[in-house]
Amino acid sequence: MKIVFSRKGFDSAAGGGPSPIVDDRPVSLPIPSTGASGTTWDDLGLGELVAQASRGRHAGSGDCHHDPMFLTGGTCLFGQCGAAQTHLANRGVGVGDTFVFFGLFRDGRAPPHHRIFGYLAVEEVLVVADLPDARREALVRQRHPHAIAPQAANDTIYAGRGRTAVCASPALRLTAHGEKPSTWRRPDWLKPGELSYHDDPARWLSGGRLRAASRGQEFVTDVGRRAPPRRWLEQVIETIERG
């Protein structure tokens, strides 16, 4: 089994600032769209939060890249393409694996930090170019951006069970307290050499810390059948769903 730490949502480069924590719930703001989009921030009820987080650079009427897309009934659609999708494919990510979505958040005036805000347990891997017309049209009706206008030959949509966090639990915080956002308190089971894009030994710091890569969207670790990472993932999902 693979666990994918998947960076998503606003940050200082994409959007202009951290996503907010509102009433103790992390609200991941979709990044601005650079291609076809069927969704504005206003459509999602996020217009005011986007204006605040971007310090006026973006308005709610602007198009956003609504992805990952969390649907009613506890399901999720997530699209990837280009080099990032090639990385996922080369690492063998597919059915039975889990994306753990994280992003940059700020709670009021506190320093920003990285935290987990959602998950997707993969049940289907849909290569957009190979989809039957009816399935593609259904995804277009749901306004998934990777179905509306594929950006590369390898555009792929991962589908399955998934939810966003009900609260900003300390258990979902990745950033070590008192550190910059990219310095994480890593899970005990995650060892040097086990996370893609993090091969440099200098990233693995003393005290169980990890200096996360500033570039890259999808960080993959193959945990196989090991019990400790599976228990960690179960606890993360339970915290996301129940707080």
Protein backbone atom coordinates (compact mmCIF):
# COMPACT_ATOMS: atom_id res chain seq x y z
CA MET A 1 0.00 0.00 0.00
CA LYS A 2 1.14 3.53 -0.79
CA ILE A 3 0.38 6.68 1.17
CA VAL A 4 0.64 9.89 -0.84
CA PHE A 5 1.21 13.18 0.95
CA SER A 6 -0.50 15.46 -1.59
CA ARG A 7 0.01 19.24 -1.37
CA LYS A 8 -3.11 21.21 -2.32
CA GLY A 9 -4.78 24.60 -1.86
CA PHE A 10 -3.67 28.18 -1.34
CA ASP A 11 -0.19 29.19 -0.26
CA SER A 12 1.99 32.26 -0.70
CA ALA A 13 2.70 31.38 -4.36
CA ALA A 14 -0.61 29.83 -5.44
CA GLY A 15 -3.33 32.19 -4.28
CA GLY A 16 -1.30 34.62 -2.23
CA GLY A 17 -1.66 33.37 1.32
CA PRO A 18 -2.59 30.44 3.58
CA SER A 19 -6.02 28.87 3.63
CA PRO A 20 -7.99 29.80 6.77
CA ILE A 21 -9.21 27.89 9.77
CA VAL A 22 -12.80 28.96 10.35
CA ASP A 23 -14.63 28.04 13.57
CA ASP A 24 -11.97 25.39 14.26
CA ARG A 25 -12.36 23.82 10.80
CA PRO A 26 -9.67 23.98 8.09
CA VAL A 27 -11.10 25.37 4.84
CA SER A 28 -8.80 24.54 1.93
CA LEU A 29 -9.15 27.20 -0.76
CA PRO A 30 -8.82 25.85 -4.33
CA ILE A 31 -6.03 27.53 -6.28
CA PRO A 32 -6.77 29.95 -9.15
CA SER A 33 -7.53 28.21 -12.43
CA THR A 34 -4.94 28.40 -15.20
CA GLY A 35 -7.08 26.47 -17.68
CA ALA A 36 -10.68 25.46 -18.20
CA SER A 37 -12.87 25.59 -15.12
CA GLY A 38 -16.54 25.09 -14.42
CA THR A 39 -16.41 26.57 -10.93
CA THR A 40 -15.86 29.95 -9.29
CA TRP A 41 -15.01 30.50 -5.63
CA ASP A 42 -18.44 32.10 -5.24
CA ASP A 43 -20.01 28.84 -6.46
CA LEU A 44 -18.37 27.14 -3.50
CA GLY A 45 -19.32 29.86 -1.01
CA LEU A 46 -15.67 30.82 -0.59
CA GLY A 47 -15.58 34.25 -2.22
CA GLU A 48 -15.11 36.29 0.95
CA LEU A 49 -12.48 33.93 2.35
CA VAL A 50 -10.55 34.00 -0.93
CA ALA A 51 -10.54 37.81 -1.00
CA GLN A 52 -9.21 37.87 2.55
CA ALA A 53 -6.60 35.14 2.08
CA SER A 54 -5.30 36.66 -1.16
CA ARG A 55 -5.37 40.21 0.27
CA GLY A 56 -7.63 41.31 -2.55
CA ARG A 57 -5.67 39.72 -5.40
CA HIS A 58 -8.58 37.40 -6.20
CA ALA A 59 -12.35 37.88 -6.14
CA GLY A 60 -15.00 35.27 -5.63
CA SER A 61 -16.16 35.63 -9.22
CA GLY A 62 -12.83 34.25 -10.49
CA ASP A 63 -12.44 30.72 -11.80
CA CYS A 64 -10.79 28.21 -9.48
CA HIS A 65 -9.28 24.76 -9.94
CA HIS A 66 -11.81 22.80 -7.89
CA ASP A 67 -9.67 19.75 -7.25
CA PRO A 68 -9.68 17.63 -5.12
CA MET A 69 -13.46 17.64 -5.34
CA PHE A 70 -15.25 16.32 -2.25
CA LEU A 71 -18.80 15.23 -3.04
CA THR A 72 -21.85 14.60 -0.92
CA GLY A 73 -22.02 11.06 0.36
CA GLY A 74 -18.38 10.91 1.38
CA THR A 75 -16.66 10.48 -1.97
CA CYS A 76 -13.80 12.35 -3.61
CA LEU A 77 -12.49 12.96 -7.13
CA PHE A 78 -8.90 14.08 -7.61
CA GLY A 79 -7.19 14.75 -10.94
CA GLN A 80 -3.52 14.86 -11.83
CA CYS A 81 -1.58 15.18 -15.09
CA GLY A 82 1.82 15.87 -16.60
CA ALA A 83 4.98 15.25 -14.60
CA ALA A 84 3.11 14.88 -11.30
CA GLN A 85 0.91 12.11 -12.72
CA THR A 86 3.96 10.44 -14.27
CA HIS A 87 5.52 10.40 -10.80
CA LEU A 88 2.39 8.77 -9.31
CA ALA A 89 2.28 6.19 -12.12
CA ASN A 90 6.00 5.40 -11.81
CA ARG A 91 5.50 4.81 -8.09
CA GLY A 92 2.59 2.46 -8.82
CA VAL A 93 -0.10 4.52 -7.07
CA GLY A 94 -3.52 3.03 -7.72
CA VAL A 95 -6.50 1.19 -6.26
CA GLY A 96 -6.04 0.46 -2.55
CA ASP A 97 -3.71 3.41 -1.95
CA THR A 98 -4.58 6.59 -0.06
CA PHE A 99 -3.97 10.28 -0.71
CA VAL A 100 -3.54 12.37 2.43
CA PHE A 101 -4.14 15.97 1.38
CA PHE A 102 -2.22 18.71 3.18
CA GLY A 103 -1.82 22.44 2.71
CA LEU A 104 -0.75 25.72 4.27
CA PHE A 105 -3.18 27.08 6.88
CA ARG A 106 -3.39 29.96 9.30
CA ASP A 107 -5.53 30.16 12.44
CA GLY A 108 -6.27 33.84 13.00
CA ARG A 109 -3.01 35.73 13.46
CA ALA A 110 -0.96 32.68 14.41
CA PRO A 111 1.98 31.73 12.18
CA PRO A 112 1.01 29.61 9.16
CA HIS A 113 1.58 25.87 9.27
CA HIS A 114 1.11 22.74 7.20
CA ARG A 115 -1.71 20.43 8.17
CA ILE A 116 -3.68 17.51 6.78
CA PHE A 117 -7.19 18.53 5.74
CA GLY A 118 -8.62 15.54 3.87
CA TYR A 119 -8.09 12.12 2.36
CA LEU A 120 -9.01 9.95 -0.63
CA ALA A 121 -8.97 6.15 -0.45
CA VAL A 122 -8.56 5.16 -4.09
CA GLU A 123 -11.18 2.79 -5.51
CA GLU A 124 -10.91 3.72 -9.20
CA VAL A 125 -8.19 5.12 -11.46
CA LEU A 126 -9.74 6.79 -14.51
CA VAL A 127 -7.51 7.69 -17.46
CA VAL A 128 -9.54 10.50 -19.01
CA ALA A 129 -8.55 9.76 -22.61
CA ASP A 130 -9.74 6.15 -22.24
CA LEU A 131 -13.10 6.86 -20.62
CA PRO A 132 -16.37 5.92 -22.34
CA ASP A 133 -18.29 9.00 -23.46
CA ALA A 134 -21.00 8.53 -20.84
CA ARG A 135 -18.51 8.41 -17.96
CA ARG A 136 -16.59 11.42 -19.26
CA GLU A 137 -19.84 13.38 -19.68
CA ALA A 138 -20.87 12.52 -16.13
CA LEU A 139 -17.59 13.92 -14.82
CA VAL A 140 -18.07 17.05 -16.95
CA ARG A 141 -21.52 17.51 -15.42
CA GLN A 142 -19.86 17.35 -12.02
CA ARG A 143 -17.58 20.12 -13.34
CA HIS A 144 -14.34 18.31 -12.65
CA PRO A 145 -11.64 20.40 -14.36
CA HIS A 146 -9.62 17.43 -15.62
CA ALA A 147 -12.70 16.08 -17.41
CA ILE A 148 -13.78 19.45 -18.84
CA ALA A 149 -10.47 20.06 -20.58
CA PRO A 150 -7.68 17.49 -20.18
CA GLN A 151 -4.30 19.18 -20.00
CA ALA A 152 -2.08 16.25 -21.01
CA ALA A 153 -2.29 12.80 -22.57
CA ASN A 154 -1.93 11.23 -19.12
CA ASP A 155 -4.74 13.17 -17.38
CA THR A 156 -6.01 10.85 -14.69
CA ILE A 157 -8.80 11.08 -12.11
CA TYR A 158 -8.61 9.10 -8.87
CA ALA A 159 -11.98 8.32 -7.27
CA GLY A 160 -13.08 6.77 -4.01
CA ARG A 161 -14.07 7.36 -0.44
CA GLY A 162 -12.91 10.71 0.93
CA ARG A 163 -13.76 13.56 3.26
CA THR A 164 -12.43 16.83 4.65
CA ALA A 165 -11.57 17.34 8.30
CA VAL A 166 -14.35 18.23 10.71
CA CYS A 167 -11.95 20.19 12.92
CA ALA A 168 -8.41 21.53 13.09
CA SER A 169 -7.18 18.76 15.35
CA PRO A 170 -3.59 19.02 16.63
CA ALA A 171 -3.21 15.42 15.48
CA LEU A 172 -3.48 16.58 11.85
CA ARG A 173 -0.82 19.27 12.15
CA LEU A 174 2.38 18.43 10.25
CA THR A 175 4.51 21.48 11.10
CA ALA A 176 6.53 21.09 14.28
CA HIS A 177 5.64 23.76 16.84
CA GLY A 178 7.94 26.75 16.74
CA GLU A 179 9.31 25.79 13.31
CA LYS A 180 8.81 27.08 9.78
CA PRO A 181 5.86 25.45 7.96
CA SER A 182 8.06 23.05 5.99
CA THR A 183 9.73 21.59 9.07
CA TRP A 184 7.44 18.71 10.00
CA ARG A 185 7.05 16.48 13.00
CA ARG A 186 7.18 13.28 10.98
CA PRO A 187 5.37 10.07 11.91
CA ASP A 188 7.60 7.68 13.84
CA TRP A 189 7.24 5.00 11.18
CA LEU A 190 8.48 7.23 8.33
CA LYS A 191 12.22 6.65 7.97
CA PRO A 192 14.93 8.29 5.80
CA GLY A 193 14.73 7.17 2.19
CA GLU A 194 11.07 6.16 2.39
CA LEU A 195 9.44 9.29 0.90
CA SER A 196 9.80 10.40 -2.70
CA TYR A 197 11.44 13.80 -3.32
CA HIS A 198 13.11 13.46 0.09
CA ASP A 199 16.19 11.36 -0.67
CA ASP A 200 18.65 13.98 0.61
CA PRO A 201 19.76 12.83 4.10
CA ALA A 202 19.99 16.48 5.15
CA ARG A 203 16.19 16.67 5.07
CA TRP A 204 15.89 14.13 7.89
CA LEU A 205 16.53 16.18 11.00
CA SER A 206 17.12 15.21 14.62
CA GLY A 207 14.21 14.98 17.01
CA GLY A 208 11.93 13.18 14.56
CA ARG A 209 11.70 16.17 12.21
CA LEU A 210 11.61 16.35 8.41
CA ARG A 211 12.33 19.36 6.22
CA ALA A 212 9.65 18.90 3.56
CA ALA A 213 10.43 19.68 -0.08
CA SER A 214 9.22 23.10 -1.17
CA ARG A 215 8.61 21.86 -4.71
CA GLY A 216 6.47 18.94 -5.78
CA GLN A 217 2.85 18.05 -5.25
CA GLU A 218 2.85 14.31 -4.60
CA PHE A 219 5.18 12.70 -2.05
CA VAL A 220 4.81 8.91 -2.11
CA THR A 221 5.79 6.31 0.46
CA ASP A 222 5.28 2.57 -0.06
CA VAL A 223 4.40 1.13 3.35
CA GLY A 224 3.63 -2.36 2.11
CA ARG A 225 1.93 -4.44 4.79
CA ARG A 226 3.62 -2.75 7.74
CA ALA A 227 1.31 -2.31 10.72
CA PRO A 228 2.54 1.03 12.19
CA PRO A 229 1.84 3.17 9.09
CA ARG A 230 -1.51 1.47 8.59
CA ARG A 231 -2.49 2.28 12.18
CA TRP A 232 -1.31 5.88 11.67
CA LEU A 233 -3.44 6.18 8.53
CA GLU A 234 -6.48 4.71 10.29
CA GLN A 235 -6.07 7.27 13.08
CA VAL A 236 -5.70 10.12 10.58
CA ILE A 237 -8.87 9.10 8.75
CA GLU A 238 -10.79 8.72 12.01
CA THR A 239 -9.64 12.18 13.12
CA ILE A 240 -10.65 13.68 9.77
CA GLU A 241 -14.09 12.13 9.93
CA ARG A 242 -14.89 12.45 13.64
CA GLY A 243 -12.46 14.95 15.14
